[in-house]
Amino acid sequence: MEKTKTPREKCTSARKQHILQCAQKLFDEFGYDNVTIREIASESHSSIGSIYHFFRNKSELLMEGIMRVDDFYNTAYSDIKLSPQIKKLPTLERLKIFFVRVQMICIEQGDAYLRKTYLNGLKYPEWRILKTGPERTVYKIIMEMLAQCREEGSITSILSDDEIFGQFVVVSRGLLVDWLIRLGEFDMKTMSERSFEIMLNGLP
């Protein structure tokens, strides 16, 4: 059972979120490299000390904003498991639904979010923004569903689950980057469903 937050904890959490939102707004408007901690403090009506109380540095502000999608992935997976209509489907179908939902979650964050994620991920590889390993929520969820697919016999590929996950990542990123390049001119849901089917049919 989740512990109820005290008024002080709620205030602290709200302050942290406010600083984060103001920082993300400045990053989107002026670019990460062109924003200082002092400007974030001014925008959020906070002291520089209070910012460093919540975040170790400017890059952590960027990272936390980008990684918030993990919460959306968790919610999407919970919805799939709890939905009476979806949970009775074969795991492979539920995996397809989750894969499509991941793409939709990403584009729902907006093209500014996606550009920021990819541009900063490529510019600062040491931050591991684009890393998709065991520590990431989407990895844990897909690996769990792949194991269930193996048990049901719906996936019999000679590739390991890690290798299949790697294919998911390649296809997912390809869809998102192409969506950005083409200015969102295609229907992501339809394209994701088709790409999922093509990917599975091509597995050895």
N, C-alpha and C. Protein backbone atom coordinates (compact mmCIF):
# COMPACT_ATOMS: atom_id res chain seq x y z
N MET A 1 0.84 -1.19 0.00
CA MET A 1 0.00 0.00 0.00
C MET A 1 0.88 1.25 0.00
N GLU A 2 0.59 2.17 -0.92
CA GLU A 2 1.42 3.36 -1.05
C GLU A 2 1.20 4.30 0.13
N LYS A 3 2.31 4.79 0.65
CA LYS A 3 2.26 5.69 1.80
C LYS A 3 1.69 7.04 1.39
N THR A 4 0.78 7.57 2.18
CA THR A 4 0.20 8.88 1.91
C THR A 4 1.23 9.97 2.23
N LYS A 5 1.39 10.89 1.30
CA LYS A 5 2.37 11.96 1.51
C LYS A 5 1.84 12.99 2.49
N THR A 6 2.74 13.52 3.31
CA THR A 6 2.39 14.60 4.24
C THR A 6 2.28 15.89 3.44
N PRO A 7 1.62 16.91 3.99
CA PRO A 7 1.55 18.21 3.29
C PRO A 7 2.94 18.74 2.92
N ARG A 8 3.91 18.54 3.80
CA ARG A 8 5.28 19.01 3.52
C ARG A 8 5.87 18.26 2.33
N GLU A 9 5.65 16.94 2.29
CA GLU A 9 6.17 16.13 1.19
C GLU A 9 5.49 16.51 -0.13
N LYS A 10 4.19 16.79 -0.07
CA LYS A 10 3.46 17.21 -1.27
C LYS A 10 3.99 18.54 -1.78
N CYS A 11 4.27 19.45 -0.88
CA CYS A 11 4.80 20.77 -1.25
C CYS A 11 6.18 20.62 -1.88
N THR A 12 7.01 19.76 -1.29
CA THR A 12 8.35 19.52 -1.81
C THR A 12 8.29 18.90 -3.20
N SER A 13 7.39 17.93 -3.37
CA SER A 13 7.23 17.28 -4.67
C SER A 13 6.74 18.27 -5.72
N ALA A 14 5.80 19.13 -5.33
CA ALA A 14 5.26 20.13 -6.25
C ALA A 14 6.35 21.12 -6.66
N ARG A 15 7.19 21.51 -5.71
CA ARG A 15 8.28 22.44 -6.00
C ARG A 15 9.26 21.82 -6.99
N LYS A 16 9.60 20.56 -6.77
CA LYS A 16 10.52 19.87 -7.67
C LYS A 16 9.95 19.78 -9.08
N GLN A 17 8.66 19.43 -9.18
CA GLN A 17 8.03 19.32 -10.49
C GLN A 17 7.95 20.68 -11.18
N HIS A 18 7.73 21.72 -10.42
CA HIS A 18 7.67 23.07 -10.99
C HIS A 18 9.02 23.46 -11.58
N ILE A 19 10.09 23.20 -10.85
CA ILE A 19 11.43 23.50 -11.34
C ILE A 19 11.71 22.70 -12.61
N LEU A 20 11.33 21.43 -12.59
CA LEU A 20 11.54 20.56 -13.75
C LEU A 20 10.79 21.08 -14.97
N GLN A 21 9.54 21.47 -14.78
CA GLN A 21 8.74 21.97 -15.90
C GLN A 21 9.31 23.26 -16.46
N CYS A 22 9.77 24.14 -15.59
CA CYS A 22 10.36 25.40 -16.06
C CYS A 22 11.65 25.15 -16.82
N ALA A 23 12.45 24.22 -16.34
CA ALA A 23 13.70 23.89 -17.02
C ALA A 23 13.41 23.31 -18.41
N GLN A 24 12.43 22.40 -18.48
CA GLN A 24 12.09 21.79 -19.77
C GLN A 24 11.58 22.85 -20.75
N LYS A 25 10.83 23.80 -20.25
CA LYS A 25 10.32 24.88 -21.09
C LYS A 25 11.48 25.69 -21.68
N LEU A 26 12.46 26.02 -20.85
CA LEU A 26 13.62 26.78 -21.33
C LEU A 26 14.46 25.95 -22.29
N PHE A 27 14.64 24.67 -22.00
CA PHE A 27 15.42 23.80 -22.90
C PHE A 27 14.76 23.75 -24.27
N ASP A 28 13.41 23.61 -24.28
CA ASP A 28 12.69 23.53 -25.55
C ASP A 28 12.79 24.83 -26.34
N GLU A 29 12.76 25.95 -25.62
CA GLU A 29 12.73 27.25 -26.28
C GLU A 29 14.10 27.71 -26.75
N PHE A 30 15.13 27.48 -25.93
CA PHE A 30 16.45 28.03 -26.24
C PHE A 30 17.53 26.98 -26.51
N GLY A 31 17.24 25.72 -26.23
CA GLY A 31 18.24 24.68 -26.39
C GLY A 31 19.00 24.45 -25.09
N TYR A 32 19.30 23.20 -24.81
CA TYR A 32 19.93 22.82 -23.54
C TYR A 32 21.21 23.62 -23.27
N ASP A 33 22.08 23.73 -24.27
CA ASP A 33 23.38 24.38 -24.06
C ASP A 33 23.28 25.87 -23.78
N ASN A 34 22.15 26.47 -24.16
CA ASN A 34 22.00 27.92 -24.03
C ASN A 34 21.27 28.35 -22.76
N VAL A 35 20.98 27.40 -21.88
CA VAL A 35 20.23 27.70 -20.65
C VAL A 35 21.15 27.47 -19.45
N THR A 36 21.14 28.40 -18.52
CA THR A 36 21.95 28.27 -17.30
C THR A 36 21.07 27.94 -16.10
N ILE A 37 21.70 27.45 -15.05
CA ILE A 37 20.98 27.17 -13.81
C ILE A 37 20.39 28.45 -13.26
N ARG A 38 21.10 29.55 -13.41
CA ARG A 38 20.59 30.83 -12.92
C ARG A 38 19.29 31.21 -13.63
N GLU A 39 19.23 30.95 -14.94
CA GLU A 39 18.01 31.26 -15.70
C GLU A 39 16.86 30.33 -15.30
N ILE A 40 17.18 29.09 -15.00
CA ILE A 40 16.15 28.16 -14.53
C ILE A 40 15.62 28.63 -13.17
N ALA A 41 16.52 29.10 -12.32
CA ALA A 41 16.11 29.61 -11.01
C ALA A 41 15.18 30.81 -11.17
N SER A 42 15.54 31.70 -12.11
CA SER A 42 14.71 32.89 -12.34
C SER A 42 13.34 32.51 -12.88
N GLU A 43 13.31 31.60 -13.85
CA GLU A 43 12.06 31.18 -14.47
C GLU A 43 11.13 30.50 -13.47
N SER A 44 11.71 29.73 -12.56
CA SER A 44 10.91 28.96 -11.60
C SER A 44 10.72 29.68 -10.27
N HIS A 45 11.26 30.91 -10.17
CA HIS A 45 11.18 31.69 -8.93
C HIS A 45 11.75 30.89 -7.76
N SER A 46 12.90 30.27 -8.02
CA SER A 46 13.57 29.46 -7.00
C SER A 46 14.98 30.00 -6.79
N SER A 47 15.57 29.60 -5.69
CA SER A 47 16.97 29.93 -5.48
C SER A 47 17.82 28.88 -6.18
N ILE A 48 19.05 29.24 -6.52
CA ILE A 48 19.96 28.28 -7.13
C ILE A 48 20.19 27.11 -6.17
N GLY A 49 20.26 27.43 -4.87
CA GLY A 49 20.47 26.38 -3.87
C GLY A 49 19.34 25.36 -3.85
N SER A 50 18.10 25.84 -4.02
CA SER A 50 16.97 24.90 -3.99
C SER A 50 16.98 23.99 -5.22
N ILE A 51 17.48 24.50 -6.35
CA ILE A 51 17.59 23.66 -7.54
C ILE A 51 18.59 22.55 -7.30
N TYR A 52 19.75 22.91 -6.71
CA TYR A 52 20.77 21.90 -6.44
C TYR A 52 20.35 20.96 -5.31
N HIS A 53 19.36 21.34 -4.55
CA HIS A 53 18.82 20.44 -3.53
C HIS A 53 18.10 19.27 -4.19
N PHE A 54 17.42 19.55 -5.32
CA PHE A 54 16.64 18.52 -6.01
C PHE A 54 17.42 17.83 -7.13
N PHE A 55 18.30 18.59 -7.78
CA PHE A 55 19.01 18.07 -8.95
C PHE A 55 20.51 18.34 -8.82
N ARG A 56 21.32 17.33 -9.10
CA ARG A 56 22.77 17.48 -8.93
C ARG A 56 23.37 18.46 -9.93
N ASN A 57 22.80 18.53 -11.12
CA ASN A 57 23.33 19.41 -12.15
C ASN A 57 22.28 19.63 -13.23
N LYS A 58 22.64 20.41 -14.23
CA LYS A 58 21.69 20.74 -15.29
C LYS A 58 21.32 19.50 -16.11
N SER A 59 22.29 18.63 -16.34
CA SER A 59 22.01 17.45 -17.15
C SER A 59 20.99 16.54 -16.48
N GLU A 60 20.97 16.51 -15.15
CA GLU A 60 19.99 15.69 -14.45
C GLU A 60 18.57 16.24 -14.65
N LEU A 61 18.46 17.55 -14.77
CA LEU A 61 17.16 18.16 -15.08
C LEU A 61 16.67 17.69 -16.44
N LEU A 62 17.56 17.66 -17.41
CA LEU A 62 17.19 17.20 -18.74
C LEU A 62 16.84 15.72 -18.73
N MET A 63 17.67 14.92 -18.06
CA MET A 63 17.47 13.49 -18.02
C MET A 63 16.14 13.11 -17.38
N GLU A 64 15.81 13.76 -16.27
CA GLU A 64 14.58 13.41 -15.57
C GLU A 64 13.36 13.74 -16.41
N GLY A 65 13.44 14.82 -17.17
CA GLY A 65 12.35 15.17 -18.05
C GLY A 65 12.17 14.16 -19.16
N ILE A 66 13.28 13.68 -19.70
CA ILE A 66 13.22 12.72 -20.79
C ILE A 66 12.74 11.36 -20.29
N MET A 67 13.21 10.93 -19.13
CA MET A 67 12.89 9.61 -18.62
C MET A 67 11.48 9.49 -18.05
N ARG A 68 10.72 10.58 -18.03
CA ARG A 68 9.37 10.50 -17.49
C ARG A 68 8.48 9.56 -18.29
N VAL A 69 8.88 9.25 -19.53
CA VAL A 69 8.05 8.35 -20.34
C VAL A 69 7.98 6.96 -19.72
N ASP A 70 8.95 6.60 -18.87
CA ASP A 70 8.91 5.29 -18.23
C ASP A 70 7.64 5.11 -17.41
N ASP A 71 7.18 6.19 -16.80
CA ASP A 71 5.94 6.12 -16.02
C ASP A 71 4.75 5.83 -16.94
N PHE A 72 4.77 6.41 -18.14
CA PHE A 72 3.70 6.17 -19.10
C PHE A 72 3.72 4.73 -19.61
N TYR A 73 4.94 4.18 -19.78
CA TYR A 73 5.04 2.78 -20.21
C TYR A 73 4.45 1.85 -19.15
N ASN A 74 4.75 2.14 -17.90
CA ASN A 74 4.21 1.33 -16.81
C ASN A 74 2.69 1.37 -16.78
N THR A 75 2.16 2.58 -16.96
CA THR A 75 0.70 2.75 -16.96
C THR A 75 0.07 2.00 -18.13
N ALA A 76 0.70 2.09 -19.31
CA ALA A 76 0.18 1.40 -20.48
C ALA A 76 0.17 -0.11 -20.27
N TYR A 77 1.22 -0.63 -19.68
CA TYR A 77 1.30 -2.07 -19.43
C TYR A 77 0.26 -2.50 -18.39
N SER A 78 0.06 -1.70 -17.37
CA SER A 78 -0.96 -2.00 -16.36
C SER A 78 -2.34 -2.02 -16.99
N ASP A 79 -2.60 -1.07 -17.88
CA ASP A 79 -3.90 -1.01 -18.57
C ASP A 79 -4.12 -2.27 -19.40
N ILE A 80 -3.07 -2.72 -20.06
CA ILE A 80 -3.17 -3.93 -20.89
C ILE A 80 -3.48 -5.15 -20.02
N LYS A 81 -2.82 -5.25 -18.89
CA LYS A 81 -3.01 -6.41 -18.00
C LYS A 81 -4.37 -6.40 -17.31
N LEU A 82 -4.91 -5.19 -17.10
CA LEU A 82 -6.17 -5.08 -16.37
C LEU A 82 -7.40 -5.04 -17.26
N SER A 83 -7.21 -4.71 -18.53
CA SER A 83 -8.35 -4.61 -19.44
C SER A 83 -8.99 -5.98 -19.67
N PRO A 84 -10.29 -6.15 -19.37
CA PRO A 84 -10.96 -7.45 -19.56
C PRO A 84 -10.87 -7.93 -21.01
N GLN A 85 -10.94 -7.00 -21.97
CA GLN A 85 -10.91 -7.37 -23.38
C GLN A 85 -9.51 -7.77 -23.83
N ILE A 86 -8.49 -7.06 -23.31
CA ILE A 86 -7.12 -7.28 -23.79
C ILE A 86 -6.44 -8.44 -23.08
N LYS A 87 -6.66 -8.59 -21.79
CA LYS A 87 -5.91 -9.60 -21.04
C LYS A 87 -6.24 -11.04 -21.45
N LYS A 88 -7.38 -11.24 -22.14
CA LYS A 88 -7.71 -12.60 -22.58
C LYS A 88 -7.10 -12.92 -23.95
N LEU A 89 -6.47 -11.92 -24.58
CA LEU A 89 -5.83 -12.14 -25.87
C LEU A 89 -4.52 -12.91 -25.68
N PRO A 90 -4.05 -13.60 -26.74
CA PRO A 90 -2.72 -14.24 -26.66
C PRO A 90 -1.66 -13.19 -26.37
N THR A 91 -0.59 -13.60 -25.72
CA THR A 91 0.45 -12.65 -25.32
C THR A 91 1.04 -11.92 -26.52
N LEU A 92 1.17 -12.60 -27.65
CA LEU A 92 1.74 -11.95 -28.83
C LEU A 92 0.89 -10.76 -29.27
N GLU A 93 -0.42 -10.91 -29.18
CA GLU A 93 -1.31 -9.80 -29.53
C GLU A 93 -1.16 -8.66 -28.52
N ARG A 94 -1.01 -9.03 -27.25
CA ARG A 94 -0.83 -8.00 -26.23
C ARG A 94 0.52 -7.30 -26.39
N LEU A 95 1.53 -8.06 -26.83
CA LEU A 95 2.83 -7.47 -27.10
C LEU A 95 2.74 -6.45 -28.24
N LYS A 96 1.98 -6.80 -29.25
CA LYS A 96 1.76 -5.88 -30.38
C LYS A 96 1.08 -4.60 -29.91
N ILE A 97 0.07 -4.76 -29.06
CA ILE A 97 -0.65 -3.60 -28.54
C ILE A 97 0.30 -2.71 -27.74
N PHE A 98 1.16 -3.34 -26.92
CA PHE A 98 2.11 -2.55 -26.13
C PHE A 98 3.12 -1.86 -27.02
N PHE A 99 3.64 -2.56 -28.03
CA PHE A 99 4.60 -1.97 -28.96
C PHE A 99 4.02 -0.72 -29.63
N VAL A 100 2.79 -0.83 -30.09
CA VAL A 100 2.13 0.31 -30.72
C VAL A 100 1.93 1.44 -29.71
N ARG A 101 1.56 1.07 -28.50
CA ARG A 101 1.33 2.09 -27.46
C ARG A 101 2.62 2.83 -27.14
N VAL A 102 3.75 2.15 -27.15
CA VAL A 102 5.04 2.81 -26.91
C VAL A 102 5.27 3.91 -27.93
N GLN A 103 4.98 3.60 -29.20
CA GLN A 103 5.17 4.62 -30.25
C GLN A 103 4.23 5.81 -30.03
N MET A 104 3.00 5.51 -29.66
CA MET A 104 2.01 6.57 -29.46
C MET A 104 2.39 7.44 -28.27
N ILE A 105 2.88 6.82 -27.21
CA ILE A 105 3.31 7.58 -26.03
C ILE A 105 4.41 8.56 -26.41
N CYS A 106 5.36 8.09 -27.21
CA CYS A 106 6.48 8.94 -27.60
C CYS A 106 6.03 10.14 -28.43
N ILE A 107 5.18 9.92 -29.41
CA ILE A 107 4.78 11.07 -30.24
C ILE A 107 3.81 11.99 -29.49
N GLU A 108 3.11 11.44 -28.50
CA GLU A 108 2.22 12.28 -27.69
C GLU A 108 3.01 13.29 -26.86
N GLN A 109 4.31 13.01 -26.63
CA GLN A 109 5.14 13.97 -25.91
C GLN A 109 5.48 15.18 -26.78
N GLY A 110 5.29 15.04 -28.08
CA GLY A 110 5.53 16.16 -28.99
C GLY A 110 6.86 16.04 -29.71
N ASP A 111 6.95 16.69 -30.88
CA ASP A 111 8.18 16.59 -31.66
C ASP A 111 9.35 17.26 -30.96
N ALA A 112 9.09 18.29 -30.14
CA ALA A 112 10.18 18.94 -29.40
C ALA A 112 10.82 17.96 -28.43
N TYR A 113 10.00 17.15 -27.79
CA TYR A 113 10.52 16.15 -26.86
C TYR A 113 11.38 15.13 -27.60
N LEU A 114 10.89 14.64 -28.74
CA LEU A 114 11.64 13.64 -29.49
C LEU A 114 12.96 14.19 -30.01
N ARG A 115 12.91 15.40 -30.55
CA ARG A 115 14.14 16.00 -31.07
C ARG A 115 15.16 16.19 -29.93
N LYS A 116 14.67 16.65 -28.81
CA LYS A 116 15.54 16.86 -27.65
C LYS A 116 16.16 15.53 -27.20
N THR A 117 15.36 14.47 -27.19
CA THR A 117 15.85 13.16 -26.76
C THR A 117 16.96 12.66 -27.68
N TYR A 118 16.69 12.69 -28.98
CA TYR A 118 17.66 12.14 -29.93
C TYR A 118 18.88 13.04 -30.10
N LEU A 119 18.67 14.34 -30.20
CA LEU A 119 19.79 15.25 -30.39
C LEU A 119 20.74 15.22 -29.20
N ASN A 120 20.18 15.31 -27.99
CA ASN A 120 21.03 15.30 -26.81
C ASN A 120 21.60 13.91 -26.54
N GLY A 121 20.83 12.87 -26.90
CA GLY A 121 21.34 11.52 -26.72
C GLY A 121 22.55 11.25 -27.60
N LEU A 122 22.54 11.81 -28.82
CA LEU A 122 23.67 11.64 -29.72
C LEU A 122 24.83 12.57 -29.36
N LYS A 123 24.49 13.76 -28.88
CA LYS A 123 25.52 14.73 -28.55
C LYS A 123 26.24 14.38 -27.26
N TYR A 124 25.51 13.80 -26.31
CA TYR A 124 26.08 13.45 -25.02
C TYR A 124 25.90 11.95 -24.74
N PRO A 125 26.63 11.10 -25.48
CA PRO A 125 26.44 9.65 -25.30
C PRO A 125 26.74 9.16 -23.90
N GLU A 126 27.59 9.91 -23.17
CA GLU A 126 27.93 9.49 -21.81
C GLU A 126 26.73 9.58 -20.86
N TRP A 127 25.70 10.33 -21.24
CA TRP A 127 24.51 10.41 -20.40
C TRP A 127 23.63 9.18 -20.55
N ARG A 128 23.84 8.41 -21.63
CA ARG A 128 23.11 7.17 -21.86
C ARG A 128 21.60 7.39 -21.99
N ILE A 129 21.23 8.55 -22.55
CA ILE A 129 19.81 8.85 -22.75
C ILE A 129 19.16 7.80 -23.64
N LEU A 130 19.88 7.36 -24.67
CA LEU A 130 19.32 6.43 -25.64
C LEU A 130 19.57 4.97 -25.27
N LYS A 131 20.14 4.75 -24.10
CA LYS A 131 20.42 3.38 -23.65
C LYS A 131 19.12 2.67 -23.33
N THR A 132 18.97 1.44 -23.82
CA THR A 132 17.76 0.66 -23.53
C THR A 132 18.18 -0.70 -22.98
N GLY A 133 18.66 -0.71 -21.75
CA GLY A 133 19.10 -1.95 -21.12
C GLY A 133 18.17 -2.38 -20.01
N PRO A 134 18.61 -3.34 -19.21
CA PRO A 134 17.78 -3.92 -18.14
C PRO A 134 17.24 -2.91 -17.14
N GLU A 135 17.87 -1.73 -17.04
CA GLU A 135 17.40 -0.73 -16.08
C GLU A 135 16.19 0.04 -16.59
N ARG A 136 15.90 -0.09 -17.87
CA ARG A 136 14.79 0.67 -18.43
C ARG A 136 13.48 -0.11 -18.35
N THR A 137 12.39 0.61 -18.07
CA THR A 137 11.07 0.00 -17.92
C THR A 137 10.64 -0.76 -19.16
N VAL A 138 10.83 -0.16 -20.32
CA VAL A 138 10.36 -0.79 -21.56
C VAL A 138 11.07 -2.12 -21.79
N TYR A 139 12.33 -2.23 -21.40
CA TYR A 139 13.08 -3.49 -21.53
C TYR A 139 12.44 -4.57 -20.66
N LYS A 140 12.18 -4.23 -19.40
CA LYS A 140 11.61 -5.21 -18.47
C LYS A 140 10.25 -5.71 -18.95
N ILE A 141 9.44 -4.79 -19.45
CA ILE A 141 8.09 -5.18 -19.88
C ILE A 141 8.16 -6.10 -21.10
N ILE A 142 8.93 -5.69 -22.11
CA ILE A 142 8.99 -6.49 -23.34
C ILE A 142 9.63 -7.85 -23.07
N MET A 143 10.67 -7.88 -22.24
CA MET A 143 11.30 -9.16 -21.94
C MET A 143 10.33 -10.10 -21.21
N GLU A 144 9.51 -9.54 -20.34
CA GLU A 144 8.51 -10.35 -19.64
C GLU A 144 7.50 -10.93 -20.63
N MET A 145 7.08 -10.11 -21.58
CA MET A 145 6.09 -10.57 -22.56
C MET A 145 6.71 -11.55 -23.55
N LEU A 146 7.97 -11.35 -23.91
CA LEU A 146 8.64 -12.29 -24.81
C LEU A 146 8.74 -13.67 -24.15
N ALA A 147 9.06 -13.71 -22.86
CA ALA A 147 9.14 -14.98 -22.14
C ALA A 147 7.79 -15.70 -22.16
N GLN A 148 6.70 -14.94 -22.01
CA GLN A 148 5.37 -15.52 -22.05
C GLN A 148 5.04 -16.04 -23.45
N CYS A 149 5.49 -15.30 -24.47
CA CYS A 149 5.28 -15.75 -25.86
C CYS A 149 6.01 -17.07 -26.12
N ARG A 150 7.21 -17.19 -25.56
CA ARG A 150 7.97 -18.44 -25.72
C ARG A 150 7.20 -19.60 -25.08
N GLU A 151 6.65 -19.35 -23.90
CA GLU A 151 5.90 -20.40 -23.19
C GLU A 151 4.67 -20.82 -23.99
N GLU A 152 4.02 -19.86 -24.62
CA GLU A 152 2.81 -20.15 -25.40
C GLU A 152 3.13 -20.72 -26.77
N GLY A 153 4.40 -20.58 -27.20
CA GLY A 153 4.80 -21.09 -28.51
C GLY A 153 4.51 -20.16 -29.66
N SER A 154 4.14 -18.89 -29.36
CA SER A 154 3.83 -17.94 -30.44
C SER A 154 5.08 -17.30 -31.02
N ILE A 155 6.20 -17.39 -30.29
CA ILE A 155 7.50 -16.96 -30.81
C ILE A 155 8.46 -18.13 -30.64
N THR A 156 9.00 -18.60 -31.78
CA THR A 156 9.92 -19.74 -31.76
C THR A 156 11.25 -19.39 -32.41
N SER A 157 11.54 -18.12 -32.52
CA SER A 157 12.76 -17.67 -33.19
C SER A 157 14.01 -18.24 -32.53
N ILE A 158 15.03 -18.48 -33.37
CA ILE A 158 16.31 -18.94 -32.84
C ILE A 158 17.08 -17.79 -32.19
N LEU A 159 16.64 -16.56 -32.43
CA LEU A 159 17.27 -15.42 -31.79
C LEU A 159 16.96 -15.42 -30.30
N SER A 160 17.86 -14.89 -29.50
CA SER A 160 17.60 -14.77 -28.07
C SER A 160 16.59 -13.65 -27.84
N ASP A 161 16.00 -13.63 -26.66
CA ASP A 161 15.05 -12.56 -26.36
C ASP A 161 15.73 -11.19 -26.39
N ASP A 162 16.99 -11.14 -25.97
CA ASP A 162 17.73 -9.88 -26.04
C ASP A 162 17.89 -9.42 -27.48
N GLU A 163 18.14 -10.36 -28.38
CA GLU A 163 18.30 -10.01 -29.79
C GLU A 163 16.98 -9.55 -30.39
N ILE A 164 15.89 -10.21 -30.00
CA ILE A 164 14.57 -9.78 -30.49
C ILE A 164 14.24 -8.40 -29.95
N PHE A 165 14.55 -8.16 -28.68
CA PHE A 165 14.33 -6.84 -28.11
C PHE A 165 15.12 -5.79 -28.89
N GLY A 166 16.34 -6.14 -29.27
CA GLY A 166 17.15 -5.22 -30.06
C GLY A 166 16.48 -4.87 -31.38
N GLN A 167 15.80 -5.84 -31.99
CA GLN A 167 15.07 -5.57 -33.22
C GLN A 167 13.90 -4.62 -32.96
N PHE A 168 13.22 -4.83 -31.83
CA PHE A 168 12.14 -3.93 -31.45
C PHE A 168 12.64 -2.49 -31.36
N VAL A 169 13.81 -2.32 -30.73
CA VAL A 169 14.37 -0.98 -30.54
C VAL A 169 14.68 -0.33 -31.88
N VAL A 170 15.30 -1.10 -32.79
CA VAL A 170 15.66 -0.57 -34.11
C VAL A 170 14.40 -0.11 -34.86
N VAL A 171 13.38 -0.96 -34.86
CA VAL A 171 12.14 -0.62 -35.57
C VAL A 171 11.46 0.57 -34.91
N SER A 172 11.41 0.57 -33.58
CA SER A 172 10.76 1.65 -32.84
C SER A 172 11.43 2.99 -33.13
N ARG A 173 12.75 3.02 -33.03
CA ARG A 173 13.47 4.28 -33.29
C ARG A 173 13.34 4.71 -34.74
N GLY A 174 13.35 3.73 -35.63
CA GLY A 174 13.19 4.06 -37.05
C GLY A 174 11.85 4.74 -37.31
N LEU A 175 10.80 4.21 -36.70
CA LEU A 175 9.47 4.82 -36.85
C LEU A 175 9.45 6.24 -36.32
N LEU A 176 10.04 6.44 -35.13
CA LEU A 176 10.00 7.75 -34.50
C LEU A 176 10.82 8.79 -35.27
N VAL A 177 12.01 8.38 -35.72
CA VAL A 177 12.84 9.31 -36.48
C VAL A 177 12.19 9.66 -37.81
N ASP A 178 11.61 8.65 -38.47
CA ASP A 178 10.94 8.92 -39.74
C ASP A 178 9.72 9.81 -39.54
N TRP A 179 9.03 9.62 -38.43
CA TRP A 179 7.87 10.47 -38.11
C TRP A 179 8.31 11.92 -37.96
N LEU A 180 9.49 12.12 -37.35
CA LEU A 180 10.03 13.47 -37.21
C LEU A 180 10.43 14.04 -38.57
N ILE A 181 11.12 13.24 -39.36
CA ILE A 181 11.58 13.70 -40.68
C ILE A 181 10.40 14.08 -41.56
N ARG A 182 9.35 13.28 -41.49
CA ARG A 182 8.18 13.51 -42.35
C ARG A 182 7.13 14.40 -41.68
N LEU A 183 7.54 15.04 -40.59
CA LEU A 183 6.69 16.02 -39.90
C LEU A 183 5.34 15.42 -39.50
N GLY A 184 5.36 14.17 -39.07
CA GLY A 184 4.15 13.53 -38.56
C GLY A 184 3.08 13.30 -39.60
N GLU A 185 3.49 13.12 -40.85
CA GLU A 185 2.47 13.04 -41.91
C GLU A 185 1.84 11.65 -42.06
N PHE A 186 2.38 10.63 -41.38
CA PHE A 186 1.75 9.32 -41.47
C PHE A 186 1.10 8.95 -40.14
N ASP A 187 0.15 8.01 -40.22
CA ASP A 187 -0.56 7.55 -39.04
C ASP A 187 0.32 6.57 -38.27
N MET A 188 0.80 6.99 -37.11
CA MET A 188 1.75 6.18 -36.35
C MET A 188 1.16 4.85 -35.92
N LYS A 189 -0.09 4.83 -35.52
CA LYS A 189 -0.70 3.58 -35.06
C LYS A 189 -0.70 2.54 -36.17
N THR A 190 -1.15 2.92 -37.35
CA THR A 190 -1.20 1.99 -38.48
C THR A 190 0.19 1.54 -38.89
N MET A 191 1.12 2.48 -38.98
CA MET A 191 2.48 2.16 -39.39
C MET A 191 3.16 1.24 -38.36
N SER A 192 2.90 1.46 -37.07
CA SER A 192 3.50 0.64 -36.03
C SER A 192 2.97 -0.79 -36.09
N GLU A 193 1.68 -0.94 -36.32
CA GLU A 193 1.08 -2.27 -36.42
C GLU A 193 1.68 -3.03 -37.60
N ARG A 194 1.81 -2.35 -38.74
CA ARG A 194 2.39 -3.00 -39.92
C ARG A 194 3.85 -3.38 -39.69
N SER A 195 4.58 -2.46 -39.09
CA SER A 195 6.00 -2.71 -38.84
C SER A 195 6.21 -3.88 -37.89
N PHE A 196 5.34 -3.99 -36.90
CA PHE A 196 5.41 -5.09 -35.95
C PHE A 196 5.23 -6.43 -36.68
N GLU A 197 4.23 -6.51 -37.55
CA GLU A 197 3.96 -7.73 -38.28
C GLU A 197 5.13 -8.08 -39.21
N ILE A 198 5.65 -7.09 -39.90
CA ILE A 198 6.78 -7.34 -40.83
C ILE A 198 8.00 -7.82 -40.05
N MET A 199 8.25 -7.20 -38.90
CA MET A 199 9.40 -7.58 -38.08
C MET A 199 9.28 -9.03 -37.61
N LEU A 200 8.11 -9.42 -37.12
CA LEU A 200 7.93 -10.78 -36.63
C LEU A 200 8.04 -11.80 -37.76
N ASN A 201 7.50 -11.47 -38.92
CA ASN A 201 7.56 -12.39 -40.05
C ASN A 201 8.99 -12.58 -40.55
N GLY A 202 9.83 -11.60 -40.26
CA GLY A 202 11.22 -11.69 -40.73
C GLY A 202 12.16 -12.35 -39.74
N LEU A 203 11.67 -12.70 -38.54
CA LEU A 203 12.54 -13.33 -37.55
C LEU A 203 12.90 -14.75 -38.00
N PRO A 204 14.18 -15.14 -37.87
CA PRO A 204 14.57 -16.49 -38.28
C PRO A 204 14.05 -17.54 -37.27
